[in-house]
Amino acid sequence: MAFILGVAFGAVVKSFISDVIMPVIGALIGGRDFSNLFIVLTGESYPSAQAAREAGAAAIYYGSFVNTVVTFLIVALVMFVLIKAVMRMRKPEEAPAPATKACPFCKMQIPLAATRCPYCTVELPAEV
């Protein structure tokens, strides 16, 4: 169930990044489409990254990498906030009742019901 939700969440985030966030960032830096940014290593010229891929050109598609990094950072941020919220909603576990007490004479830990300390063999005073 968690895997299916994770895949669906990933698809939603990828769409959000590529369809909403990256066009806004591209408009802010001069109307560039990040998914179309690439450098051809052979010196040839292609009109788009898709055309270079179809031609099998040796190229560095750094725009696609930027999209992937931004997607990862947003998913990591959302997961961090989600986990932080879930951890805040959980009730802290109550500490278990102590099963031992310190001997008033030798300070060693002994069972609560003990009437004589097994370490220093002193008889313990009755507790009120």
Protein backbone atom coordinates (compact mmCIF):
# COMPACT_ATOMS: atom_id res chain seq x y z
CA MET A 1 0.00 0.00 0.00
CA ALA A 2 2.77 2.45 0.93
CA PHE A 3 4.65 1.66 -2.29
CA ILE A 4 1.59 2.39 -4.43
CA LEU A 5 0.99 5.66 -2.58
CA GLY A 6 4.66 6.56 -2.95
CA VAL A 7 4.58 5.98 -6.71
CA ALA A 8 1.38 8.02 -7.05
CA PHE A 9 2.86 10.79 -4.88
CA GLY A 10 6.00 10.78 -7.02
CA ALA A 11 3.95 11.15 -10.20
CA VAL A 12 1.99 14.06 -8.72
CA VAL A 13 5.18 15.79 -7.57
CA LYS A 14 6.88 15.25 -10.94
CA SER A 15 3.90 16.77 -12.71
CA PHE A 16 3.80 19.65 -10.24
CA ILE A 17 7.49 20.37 -10.82
CA SER A 18 7.50 20.07 -14.59
CA ASP A 19 4.12 21.76 -15.18
CA VAL A 20 3.99 24.42 -12.45
CA ILE A 21 7.34 25.15 -10.77
CA MET A 22 9.82 24.91 -13.65
CA PRO A 23 7.82 27.14 -16.07
CA VAL A 24 7.70 29.83 -13.37
CA ILE A 25 11.45 29.55 -12.76
CA GLY A 26 12.05 29.53 -16.53
CA ALA A 27 9.98 32.69 -16.94
CA LEU A 28 11.92 34.38 -14.16
CA ILE A 29 15.27 33.70 -15.86
CA GLY A 30 14.23 34.78 -19.34
CA GLY A 31 11.65 32.37 -20.70
CA ARG A 32 13.85 29.25 -20.87
CA ASP A 33 12.47 25.73 -20.77
CA PHE A 34 14.75 23.74 -18.48
CA SER A 35 13.88 20.37 -19.98
CA ASN A 36 15.21 21.65 -23.32
CA LEU A 37 18.66 22.71 -22.09
CA PHE A 38 21.47 20.54 -23.44
CA ILE A 39 25.01 20.67 -24.81
CA VAL A 40 25.88 18.55 -27.84
CA LEU A 41 29.39 17.13 -27.48
CA THR A 42 29.95 16.51 -31.19
CA GLY A 43 29.43 20.15 -32.26
CA GLU A 44 26.29 19.46 -34.28
CA SER A 45 23.19 21.60 -33.85
CA TYR A 46 19.73 20.34 -32.91
CA PRO A 47 16.56 22.40 -32.39
CA SER A 48 15.57 20.61 -29.17
CA ALA A 49 16.74 18.04 -26.66
CA GLN A 50 14.14 15.61 -28.01
CA ALA A 51 15.57 15.93 -31.54
CA ALA A 52 19.09 15.33 -30.19
CA ARG A 53 17.92 12.24 -28.32
CA GLU A 54 16.12 10.88 -31.40
CA ALA A 55 19.26 11.40 -33.47
CA GLY A 56 21.31 9.58 -30.83
CA ALA A 57 23.66 12.52 -30.42
CA ALA A 58 26.20 12.47 -27.62
CA ALA A 59 24.95 15.29 -25.43
CA ILE A 60 24.72 16.45 -21.84
CA TYR A 61 21.09 17.07 -20.96
CA TYR A 62 21.65 19.30 -17.96
CA GLY A 63 18.15 20.80 -18.08
CA SER A 64 16.63 17.41 -17.39
CA PHE A 65 19.11 16.98 -14.55
CA VAL A 66 18.07 20.34 -13.05
CA ASN A 67 14.41 19.23 -13.22
CA THR A 68 15.28 15.98 -11.46
CA VAL A 69 17.27 17.73 -8.72
CA VAL A 70 14.45 20.22 -8.07
CA THR A 71 11.94 17.35 -7.96
CA PHE A 72 14.12 15.48 -5.46
CA LEU A 73 14.54 18.54 -3.24
CA ILE A 74 10.81 19.23 -3.15
CA VAL A 75 9.98 15.58 -2.42
CA ALA A 76 12.61 15.54 0.34
CA LEU A 77 11.20 18.75 1.83
CA VAL A 78 7.62 17.44 1.74
CA MET A 79 8.67 14.12 3.30
CA PHE A 80 10.64 15.95 6.00
CA VAL A 81 7.65 18.15 6.87
CA LEU A 82 5.29 15.15 6.80
CA ILE A 83 7.48 13.02 9.07
CA LYS A 84 8.04 15.96 11.41
CA ALA A 85 4.25 16.46 11.70
CA VAL A 86 3.61 12.76 12.34
CA MET A 87 6.32 12.63 15.00
CA ARG A 88 4.87 15.71 16.68
CA MET A 89 1.39 14.13 16.79
CA ARG A 90 2.63 10.92 18.43
CA LYS A 91 2.24 10.78 22.18
CA PRO A 92 5.50 10.30 24.05
CA GLU A 93 5.82 6.86 25.58
CA GLU A 94 5.39 6.77 29.31
CA ALA A 95 8.45 5.70 31.25
CA PRO A 96 8.00 2.30 32.90
CA ALA A 97 7.63 2.23 36.67
CA PRO A 98 11.00 1.71 38.34
CA ALA A 99 11.68 -1.88 39.41
CA THR A 100 14.64 -1.02 41.60
CA LYS A 101 15.72 1.48 44.21
CA ALA A 102 19.07 2.61 45.55
CA CYS A 103 20.32 1.15 48.83
CA PRO A 104 20.59 4.11 51.26
CA PHE A 105 23.94 2.79 52.55
CA CYS A 106 25.95 1.49 49.57
CA LYS A 107 23.93 3.21 46.77
CA MET A 108 23.67 0.00 44.66
CA GLN A 109 20.45 -0.73 42.81
CA ILE A 110 18.31 -3.35 44.54
CA PRO A 111 14.75 -4.68 43.97
CA LEU A 112 11.95 -2.52 45.38
CA ALA A 113 10.66 -5.30 47.63
CA ALA A 114 14.08 -6.09 49.15
CA THR A 115 14.34 -5.93 52.95
CA ARG A 116 18.10 -6.55 53.04
CA CYS A 117 20.74 -5.26 50.62
CA PRO A 118 22.48 -8.16 48.82
CA TYR A 119 25.63 -6.04 48.39
CA CYS A 120 26.31 -4.57 51.81
CA THR A 121 23.97 -6.99 53.72
CA VAL A 122 22.52 -4.19 55.84
CA GLU A 123 18.89 -4.56 56.86
CA LEU A 124 16.90 -1.85 55.09
CA PRO A 125 14.60 0.42 57.08
CA ALA A 126 10.86 -0.12 56.56
CA GLU A 127 9.40 2.37 54.07
CA VAL A 128 6.29 4.31 54.95
